[in-house]
Amino acid sequence: MKNVTEGSFWDHLEELRQRLFCILGVLAGSIVVSFVFSRKIMEVVLSSAPSELQTLAPTEAFAAHLNLSLAAGILVSSPVIFYQFWRFVSPGLFRKERKTAVRSAFASVLLFLAGAAFAWFLMLEPAIDVFRSFETGNIIGHWSLANYIGFLSRFIIIFGVAFQLPVLILILVSLGVVTPDVLARYRRHIIVGLLIIAAILTPPDPLTQIMLTLPLYFLFELSLLAARVGYRRRKTS
């Protein structure tokens, strides 16, 4: 049964406008607060840097602090953004769809944070060591602040996105696109696919490729187990 509040197109448009203003206000406030504490945030981020970083332009340090404040502001305000989006779309969903959406969103957030933590605490140092190992002979590594911040952001986001694999599998199974038996039958092909994905996402060395493939395969097996349980429940109900 849907929980729909009837209204005209203009009523929904006005509601969307109000929610967007709320999101922009919270986001702007979060970015300003993050910029005030950007020096402390930068100290935490640069604690992972392998050496002293250089600035190659007069505005580079300021731009790095600004970009870091923007990322921190988005992260801090993300619960409000999700809440406002959810309040706008939830009245048009069935009760079962709302429950599924909430569970998927909650799992997606947890998995993204798990992937980011995995990248920061376990993968970053080996990856940096691999990159620095190519600085031989006349090659001397002088990394700039902006390039390192950009690399670090992409590195963490890649792992956060890669850890969304269980959500993707459970959604595909729930929609009937695939079945758990099909996934189990093509397990070897999926492992090869995970290796290819890890090779594309990670630095070009076998160590980091395997370090991403192993947790992804573990997540795949857990997802397959959960999909089997849910699939059997739907068939018996």
C-alpha atoms as a PDB file:
ATOM      1  CA  MET A   1       0.000   0.000   0.000  1.00  0.00           C
ATOM      2  CA  LYS A   2       1.342   3.428  -0.945  1.00  0.00           C
ATOM      3  CA  ASN A   3       1.581   6.308   1.467  1.00  0.00           C
ATOM      4  CA  VAL A   4       0.888   9.062  -1.065  1.00  0.00           C
ATOM      5  CA  THR A   5      -0.062  12.627  -0.272  1.00  0.00           C
ATOM      6  CA  GLU A   6      -2.089  13.931  -3.194  1.00  0.00           C
ATOM      7  CA  GLY A   7      -1.049  17.287  -4.610  1.00  0.00           C
ATOM      8  CA  SER A   8      -0.606  19.165  -7.824  1.00  0.00           C
ATOM      9  CA  PHE A   9       2.567  19.306  -9.863  1.00  0.00           C
ATOM     10  CA  TRP A  10       3.274  22.778  -8.505  1.00  0.00           C
ATOM     11  CA  ASP A  11       2.857  21.570  -4.912  1.00  0.00           C
ATOM     12  CA  HIS A  12       5.501  18.894  -5.478  1.00  0.00           C
ATOM     13  CA  LEU A  13       7.731  21.409  -7.246  1.00  0.00           C
ATOM     14  CA  GLU A  14       7.440  23.797  -4.302  1.00  0.00           C
ATOM     15  CA  GLU A  15       8.270  20.972  -1.885  1.00  0.00           C
ATOM     16  CA  LEU A  16      11.319  20.072  -3.971  1.00  0.00           C
ATOM     17  CA  ARG A  17      12.431  23.711  -3.967  1.00  0.00           C
ATOM     18  CA  GLN A  18      12.163  23.931  -0.181  1.00  0.00           C
ATOM     19  CA  ARG A  19      14.084  20.722   0.346  1.00  0.00           C
ATOM     20  CA  LEU A  20      16.823  21.826  -2.066  1.00  0.00           C
ATOM     21  CA  PHE A  21      17.170  25.113  -0.176  1.00  0.00           C
ATOM     22  CA  CYS A  22      17.435  23.151   3.080  1.00  0.00           C
ATOM     23  CA  ILE A  23      20.117  20.892   1.589  1.00  0.00           C
ATOM     24  CA  LEU A  24      22.085  23.840   0.185  1.00  0.00           C
ATOM     25  CA  GLY A  25      21.894  25.681   3.513  1.00  0.00           C
ATOM     26  CA  VAL A  26      23.140  22.720   5.538  1.00  0.00           C
ATOM     27  CA  LEU A  27      25.813  21.964   2.938  1.00  0.00           C
ATOM     28  CA  ALA A  28      27.070  25.559   2.903  1.00  0.00           C
ATOM     29  CA  GLY A  29      27.192  25.651   6.702  1.00  0.00           C
ATOM     30  CA  SER A  30      29.064  22.339   6.854  1.00  0.00           C
ATOM     31  CA  ILE A  31      31.627  23.535   4.305  1.00  0.00           C
ATOM     32  CA  VAL A  32      32.221  26.772   6.247  1.00  0.00           C
ATOM     33  CA  VAL A  33      32.686  24.890   9.530  1.00  0.00           C
ATOM     34  CA  SER A  34      34.989  22.390   7.813  1.00  0.00           C
ATOM     35  CA  PHE A  35      37.051  25.247   6.380  1.00  0.00           C
ATOM     36  CA  VAL A  36      37.454  26.727   9.872  1.00  0.00           C
ATOM     37  CA  PHE A  37      38.934  23.393  11.023  1.00  0.00           C
ATOM     38  CA  SER A  38      40.657  22.660   7.700  1.00  0.00           C
ATOM     39  CA  ARG A  39      44.145  22.914   9.210  1.00  0.00           C
ATOM     40  CA  LYS A  40      43.422  20.122  11.680  1.00  0.00           C
ATOM     41  CA  ILE A  41      41.742  18.039   8.971  1.00  0.00           C
ATOM     42  CA  MET A  42      44.732  18.601   6.708  1.00  0.00           C
ATOM     43  CA  GLU A  43      47.099  17.412   9.460  1.00  0.00           C
ATOM     44  CA  VAL A  44      45.199  14.118   9.702  1.00  0.00           C
ATOM     45  CA  VAL A  45      45.166  13.673   5.926  1.00  0.00           C
ATOM     46  CA  LEU A  46      48.856  14.497   5.511  1.00  0.00           C
ATOM     47  CA  SER A  47      49.828  12.062   8.270  1.00  0.00           C
ATOM     48  CA  SER A  48      49.736   9.410   5.535  1.00  0.00           C
ATOM     49  CA  ALA A  49      52.039  11.357   3.196  1.00  0.00           C
ATOM     50  CA  PRO A  50      55.374   9.592   2.570  1.00  0.00           C
ATOM     51  CA  SER A  51      57.393  12.832   2.582  1.00  0.00           C
ATOM     52  CA  GLU A  52      57.088  16.587   2.621  1.00  0.00           C
ATOM     53  CA  LEU A  53      54.753  17.865  -0.071  1.00  0.00           C
ATOM     54  CA  GLN A  54      55.371  20.876  -2.285  1.00  0.00           C
ATOM     55  CA  THR A  55      53.084  23.598  -3.580  1.00  0.00           C
ATOM     56  CA  LEU A  56      53.685  24.532  -7.208  1.00  0.00           C
ATOM     57  CA  ALA A  57      51.499  27.641  -7.311  1.00  0.00           C
ATOM     58  CA  PRO A  58      50.766  30.493  -4.852  1.00  0.00           C
ATOM     59  CA  THR A  59      47.135  29.431  -4.512  1.00  0.00           C
ATOM     60  CA  GLU A  60      47.696  25.662  -4.365  1.00  0.00           C
ATOM     61  CA  ALA A  61      47.695  25.353  -0.563  1.00  0.00           C
ATOM     62  CA  PHE A  62      44.535  27.461  -0.295  1.00  0.00           C
ATOM     63  CA  ALA A  63      42.834  25.438  -3.058  1.00  0.00           C
ATOM     64  CA  ALA A  64      43.791  22.175  -1.318  1.00  0.00           C
ATOM     65  CA  HIS A  65      42.266  23.395   1.959  1.00  0.00           C
ATOM     66  CA  LEU A  66      39.158  24.495   0.069  1.00  0.00           C
ATOM     67  CA  ASN A  67      38.769  21.148  -1.732  1.00  0.00           C
ATOM     68  CA  LEU A  68      39.277  19.274   1.519  1.00  0.00           C
ATOM     69  CA  SER A  69      36.652  21.451   3.229  1.00  0.00           C
ATOM     70  CA  LEU A  70      34.246  20.767   0.366  1.00  0.00           C
ATOM     71  CA  ALA A  71      34.718  16.997   0.704  1.00  0.00           C
ATOM     72  CA  ALA A  72      34.379  17.128   4.503  1.00  0.00           C
ATOM     73  CA  GLY A  73      31.284  19.325   4.235  1.00  0.00           C
ATOM     74  CA  ILE A  74      29.592  16.907   1.853  1.00  0.00           C
ATOM     75  CA  LEU A  75      30.451  14.000   4.144  1.00  0.00           C
ATOM     76  CA  VAL A  76      29.126  15.752   7.257  1.00  0.00           C
ATOM     77  CA  SER A  77      25.910  16.926   5.586  1.00  0.00           C
ATOM     78  CA  SER A  78      25.235  13.631   3.765  1.00  0.00           C
ATOM     79  CA  PRO A  79      22.742  12.374   6.418  1.00  0.00           C
ATOM     80  CA  VAL A  80      20.655  15.532   5.945  1.00  0.00           C
ATOM     81  CA  ILE A  81      20.889  15.227   2.158  1.00  0.00           C
ATOM     82  CA  PHE A  82      19.717  11.625   2.275  1.00  0.00           C
ATOM     83  CA  TYR A  83      16.934  12.444   4.742  1.00  0.00           C
ATOM     84  CA  GLN A  84      15.564  15.277   2.587  1.00  0.00           C
ATOM     85  CA  PHE A  85      15.724  13.114  -0.534  1.00  0.00           C
ATOM     86  CA  TRP A  86      14.016  10.262   1.281  1.00  0.00           C
ATOM     87  CA  ARG A  87      11.203  12.484   2.581  1.00  0.00           C
ATOM     88  CA  PHE A  88      10.553  13.649  -0.971  1.00  0.00           C
ATOM     89  CA  VAL A  89      10.397  10.225  -2.671  1.00  0.00           C
ATOM     90  CA  SER A  90       9.088   7.942   0.108  1.00  0.00           C
ATOM     91  CA  PRO A  91       5.388   8.947  -0.144  1.00  0.00           C
ATOM     92  CA  GLY A  92       5.304   7.489  -3.673  1.00  0.00           C
ATOM     93  CA  LEU A  93       6.648   4.079  -2.676  1.00  0.00           C
ATOM     94  CA  PHE A  94       4.911   0.949  -1.461  1.00  0.00           C
ATOM     95  CA  ARG A  95       5.576  -0.071   2.124  1.00  0.00           C
ATOM     96  CA  LYS A  96       7.695  -3.032   1.029  1.00  0.00           C
ATOM     97  CA  GLU A  97       9.663  -0.813  -1.359  1.00  0.00           C
ATOM     98  CA  ARG A  98      10.351   1.694   1.421  1.00  0.00           C
ATOM     99  CA  LYS A  99      11.733  -1.038   3.685  1.00  0.00           C
ATOM    100  CA  THR A 100      13.946  -2.379   0.888  1.00  0.00           C
ATOM    101  CA  ALA A 101      15.200   1.099   0.030  1.00  0.00           C
ATOM    102  CA  VAL A 102      16.055   1.913   3.650  1.00  0.00           C
ATOM    103  CA  ARG A 103      17.931  -1.354   4.131  1.00  0.00           C
ATOM    104  CA  SER A 104      19.826  -0.938   0.858  1.00  0.00           C
ATOM    105  CA  ALA A 105      20.792   2.640   1.666  1.00  0.00           C
ATOM    106  CA  PHE A 106      21.936   1.720   5.177  1.00  0.00           C
ATOM    107  CA  ALA A 107      23.990  -1.211   3.880  1.00  0.00           C
ATOM    108  CA  SER A 108      25.441   0.952   1.108  1.00  0.00           C
ATOM    109  CA  VAL A 109      26.646   3.586   3.585  1.00  0.00           C
ATOM    110  CA  LEU A 110      28.207   0.992   5.886  1.00  0.00           C
ATOM    111  CA  LEU A 111      29.941  -0.747   2.983  1.00  0.00           C
ATOM    112  CA  PHE A 112      31.271   2.545   1.620  1.00  0.00           C
ATOM    113  CA  LEU A 113      32.728   3.417   5.020  1.00  0.00           C
ATOM    114  CA  ALA A 114      34.198  -0.096   5.287  1.00  0.00           C
ATOM    115  CA  GLY A 115      35.806   0.263   1.866  1.00  0.00           C
ATOM    116  CA  ALA A 116      37.185   3.704   2.735  1.00  0.00           C
ATOM    117  CA  ALA A 117      38.612   2.385   6.015  1.00  0.00           C
ATOM    118  CA  PHE A 118      40.123  -0.601   4.231  1.00  0.00           C
ATOM    119  CA  ALA A 119      41.801   1.723   1.718  1.00  0.00           C
ATOM    120  CA  TRP A 120      43.097   4.129   4.381  1.00  0.00           C
ATOM    121  CA  PHE A 121      44.378   1.666   6.971  1.00  0.00           C
ATOM    122  CA  LEU A 122      45.484  -1.311   4.851  1.00  0.00           C
ATOM    123  CA  MET A 123      45.930  -0.361   1.204  1.00  0.00           C
ATOM    124  CA  LEU A 124      47.340   3.167   1.153  1.00  0.00           C
ATOM    125  CA  GLU A 125      50.813   2.471   2.513  1.00  0.00           C
ATOM    126  CA  PRO A 126      51.541  -0.529   0.228  1.00  0.00           C
ATOM    127  CA  ALA A 127      50.238   1.418  -2.777  1.00  0.00           C
ATOM    128  CA  ILE A 128      52.474   4.396  -1.991  1.00  0.00           C
ATOM    129  CA  ASP A 129      55.459   2.081  -1.523  1.00  0.00           C
ATOM    130  CA  VAL A 130      54.796   0.598  -4.968  1.00  0.00           C
ATOM    131  CA  PHE A 131      54.646   4.025  -6.588  1.00  0.00           C
ATOM    132  CA  ARG A 132      57.814   5.168  -4.843  1.00  0.00           C
ATOM    133  CA  SER A 133      59.660   2.018  -5.898  1.00  0.00           C
ATOM    134  CA  PHE A 134      59.665   3.383  -9.453  1.00  0.00           C
ATOM    135  CA  GLU A 135      61.536   6.512  -8.349  1.00  0.00           C
ATOM    136  CA  THR A 136      64.974   5.132  -9.188  1.00  0.00           C
ATOM    137  CA  GLY A 137      68.096   6.493 -10.803  1.00  0.00           C
ATOM    138  CA  ASN A 138      67.663  10.137 -11.721  1.00  0.00           C
ATOM    139  CA  ILE A 139      63.951  10.080 -10.809  1.00  0.00           C
ATOM    140  CA  ILE A 140      63.354  11.936  -7.552  1.00  0.00           C
ATOM    141  CA  GLY A 141      59.843  12.080  -6.182  1.00  0.00           C
ATOM    142  CA  HIS A 142      58.679  15.572  -5.259  1.00  0.00           C
ATOM    143  CA  TRP A 143      54.958  15.241  -4.793  1.00  0.00           C
ATOM    144  CA  SER A 144      52.726  18.291  -4.827  1.00  0.00           C
ATOM    145  CA  LEU A 145      50.019  18.923  -2.260  1.00  0.00           C
ATOM    146  CA  ALA A 146      47.184  19.157  -4.796  1.00  0.00           C
ATOM    147  CA  ASN A 147      48.198  15.969  -6.612  1.00  0.00           C
ATOM    148  CA  TYR A 148      48.469  13.998  -3.371  1.00  0.00           C
ATOM    149  CA  ILE A 149      45.066  15.189  -2.102  1.00  0.00           C
ATOM    150  CA  GLY A 150      43.534  14.300  -5.487  1.00  0.00           C
ATOM    151  CA  PHE A 151      45.165  10.866  -5.493  1.00  0.00           C
ATOM    152  CA  LEU A 152      44.049  10.165  -1.930  1.00  0.00           C
ATOM    153  CA  SER A 153      40.446  11.176  -2.665  1.00  0.00           C
ATOM    154  CA  ARG A 154      40.219   8.999  -5.766  1.00  0.00           C
ATOM    155  CA  PHE A 155      41.892   6.079  -3.982  1.00  0.00           C
ATOM    156  CA  ILE A 156      39.399   6.087  -1.100  1.00  0.00           C
ATOM    157  CA  ILE A 157      36.357   6.635  -3.338  1.00  0.00           C
ATOM    158  CA  ILE A 158      37.381   3.731  -5.599  1.00  0.00           C
ATOM    159  CA  PHE A 159      37.479   1.314  -2.681  1.00  0.00           C
ATOM    160  CA  GLY A 160      34.240   2.691  -1.235  1.00  0.00           C
ATOM    161  CA  VAL A 161      32.479   2.146  -4.565  1.00  0.00           C
ATOM    162  CA  ALA A 162      34.023  -1.309  -5.059  1.00  0.00           C
ATOM    163  CA  PHE A 163      32.631  -2.404  -1.695  1.00  0.00           C
ATOM    164  CA  GLN A 164      29.092  -1.809  -3.018  1.00  0.00           C
ATOM    165  CA  LEU A 165      29.246  -5.267  -4.628  1.00  0.00           C
ATOM    166  CA  PRO A 166      26.944  -6.962  -2.055  1.00  0.00           C
ATOM    167  CA  VAL A 167      24.247  -4.313  -2.530  1.00  0.00           C
ATOM    168  CA  LEU A 168      24.431  -4.775  -6.301  1.00  0.00           C
ATOM    169  CA  ILE A 169      24.149  -8.568  -6.037  1.00  0.00           C
ATOM    170  CA  LEU A 170      21.201  -8.489  -3.637  1.00  0.00           C
ATOM    171  CA  ILE A 171      19.350  -5.953  -5.778  1.00  0.00           C
ATOM    172  CA  LEU A 172      19.860  -8.051  -8.928  1.00  0.00           C
ATOM    173  CA  VAL A 173      18.624 -11.168  -7.136  1.00  0.00           C
ATOM    174  CA  SER A 174      15.617  -9.378  -5.646  1.00  0.00           C
ATOM    175  CA  LEU A 175      14.660  -8.028  -9.088  1.00  0.00           C
ATOM    176  CA  GLY A 176      14.916 -11.516 -10.599  1.00  0.00           C
ATOM    177  CA  VAL A 177      17.721 -10.596 -13.003  1.00  0.00           C
ATOM    178  CA  VAL A 178      19.843 -13.473 -11.682  1.00  0.00           C
ATOM    179  CA  THR A 179      19.384 -16.296  -9.188  1.00  0.00           C
ATOM    180  CA  PRO A 180      21.792 -17.485  -6.489  1.00  0.00           C
ATOM    181  CA  ASP A 181      22.259 -20.762  -8.358  1.00  0.00           C
ATOM    182  CA  VAL A 182      23.375 -18.909 -11.492  1.00  0.00           C
ATOM    183  CA  LEU A 183      25.856 -16.842  -9.487  1.00  0.00           C
ATOM    184  CA  ALA A 184      27.241 -19.983  -7.845  1.00  0.00           C
ATOM    185  CA  ARG A 185      27.505 -21.751 -11.226  1.00  0.00           C
ATOM    186  CA  TYR A 186      29.566 -18.894 -12.682  1.00  0.00           C
ATOM    187  CA  ARG A 187      31.703 -18.388  -9.586  1.00  0.00           C
ATOM    188  CA  ARG A 188      34.968 -18.897 -11.505  1.00  0.00           C
ATOM    189  CA  HIS A 189      33.984 -16.335 -14.106  1.00  0.00           C
ATOM    190  CA  ILE A 190      33.066 -13.883 -11.358  1.00  0.00           C
ATOM    191  CA  ILE A 191      36.476 -14.356  -9.707  1.00  0.00           C
ATOM    192  CA  VAL A 192      38.163 -13.548 -13.015  1.00  0.00           C
ATOM    193  CA  GLY A 193      35.915 -10.498 -13.326  1.00  0.00           C
ATOM    194  CA  LEU A 194      36.853  -9.353  -9.828  1.00  0.00           C
ATOM    195  CA  LEU A 195      40.541  -9.701 -10.702  1.00  0.00           C
ATOM    196  CA  ILE A 196      40.014  -7.594 -13.813  1.00  0.00           C
ATOM    197  CA  ILE A 197      38.097  -4.949 -11.869  1.00  0.00           C
ATOM    198  CA  ALA A 198      40.802  -4.870  -9.194  1.00  0.00           C
ATOM    199  CA  ALA A 199      43.495  -4.528 -11.871  1.00  0.00           C
ATOM    200  CA  ILE A 200      41.656  -1.530 -13.354  1.00  0.00           C
ATOM    201  CA  LEU A 201      40.935   0.207 -10.053  1.00  0.00           C
ATOM    202  CA  THR A 202      44.216  -0.334  -8.221  1.00  0.00           C
ATOM    203  CA  PRO A 203      47.836   0.630  -8.958  1.00  0.00           C
ATOM    204  CA  PRO A 204      49.547  -1.615 -11.531  1.00  0.00           C
ATOM    205  CA  ASP A 205      51.034  -4.259  -9.262  1.00  0.00           C
ATOM    206  CA  PRO A 206      49.894  -7.755  -8.201  1.00  0.00           C
ATOM    207  CA  LEU A 207      49.993  -7.014  -4.460  1.00  0.00           C
ATOM    208  CA  THR A 208      47.341  -4.288  -4.403  1.00  0.00           C
ATOM    209  CA  GLN A 209      45.287  -6.169  -7.004  1.00  0.00           C
ATOM    210  CA  ILE A 210      45.106  -9.221  -4.742  1.00  0.00           C
ATOM    211  CA  MET A 211      44.473  -7.054  -1.652  1.00  0.00           C
ATOM    212  CA  LEU A 212      41.343  -5.670  -3.296  1.00  0.00           C
ATOM    213  CA  THR A 213      40.232  -8.946  -4.904  1.00  0.00           C
ATOM    214  CA  LEU A 214      40.277 -10.952  -1.655  1.00  0.00           C
ATOM    215  CA  PRO A 215      37.818  -8.767   0.301  1.00  0.00           C
ATOM    216  CA  LEU A 216      35.614  -8.436  -2.794  1.00  0.00           C
ATOM    217  CA  TYR A 217      35.484 -12.227  -3.147  1.00  0.00           C
ATOM    218  CA  PHE A 218      34.697 -12.537   0.570  1.00  0.00           C
ATOM    219  CA  LEU A 219      31.881  -9.999   0.152  1.00  0.00           C
ATOM    220  CA  PHE A 220      30.633 -11.925  -2.883  1.00  0.00           C
ATOM    221  CA  GLU A 221      30.379 -15.173  -0.913  1.00  0.00           C
ATOM    222  CA  LEU A 222      28.558 -13.423   1.944  1.00  0.00           C
ATOM    223  CA  SER A 223      26.205 -11.804  -0.547  1.00  0.00           C
ATOM    224  CA  LEU A 224      25.558 -15.159  -2.219  1.00  0.00           C
ATOM    225  CA  LEU A 225      24.708 -16.705   1.144  1.00  0.00           C
ATOM    226  CA  ALA A 226      22.330 -13.848   2.005  1.00  0.00           C
ATOM    227  CA  ALA A 227      20.782 -14.037  -1.473  1.00  0.00           C
ATOM    228  CA  ARG A 228      20.111 -17.768  -1.071  1.00  0.00           C
ATOM    229  CA  VAL A 229      18.327 -17.187   2.251  1.00  0.00           C
ATOM    230  CA  GLY A 230      16.209 -14.357   0.856  1.00  0.00           C
ATOM    231  CA  TYR A 231      15.434 -16.270  -2.335  1.00  0.00           C
ATOM    232  CA  ARG A 232      14.212 -19.325  -0.403  1.00  0.00           C
ATOM    233  CA  ARG A 233      12.022 -17.168   1.824  1.00  0.00           C
ATOM    234  CA  ARG A 234      10.373 -15.528  -1.173  1.00  0.00           C
ATOM    235  CA  LYS A 235       9.701 -18.926  -2.796  1.00  0.00           C
ATOM    236  CA  THR A 236       8.140 -20.380   0.353  1.00  0.00           C
ATOM    237  CA  SER A 237       6.042 -17.302   1.153  1.00  0.00           C
END
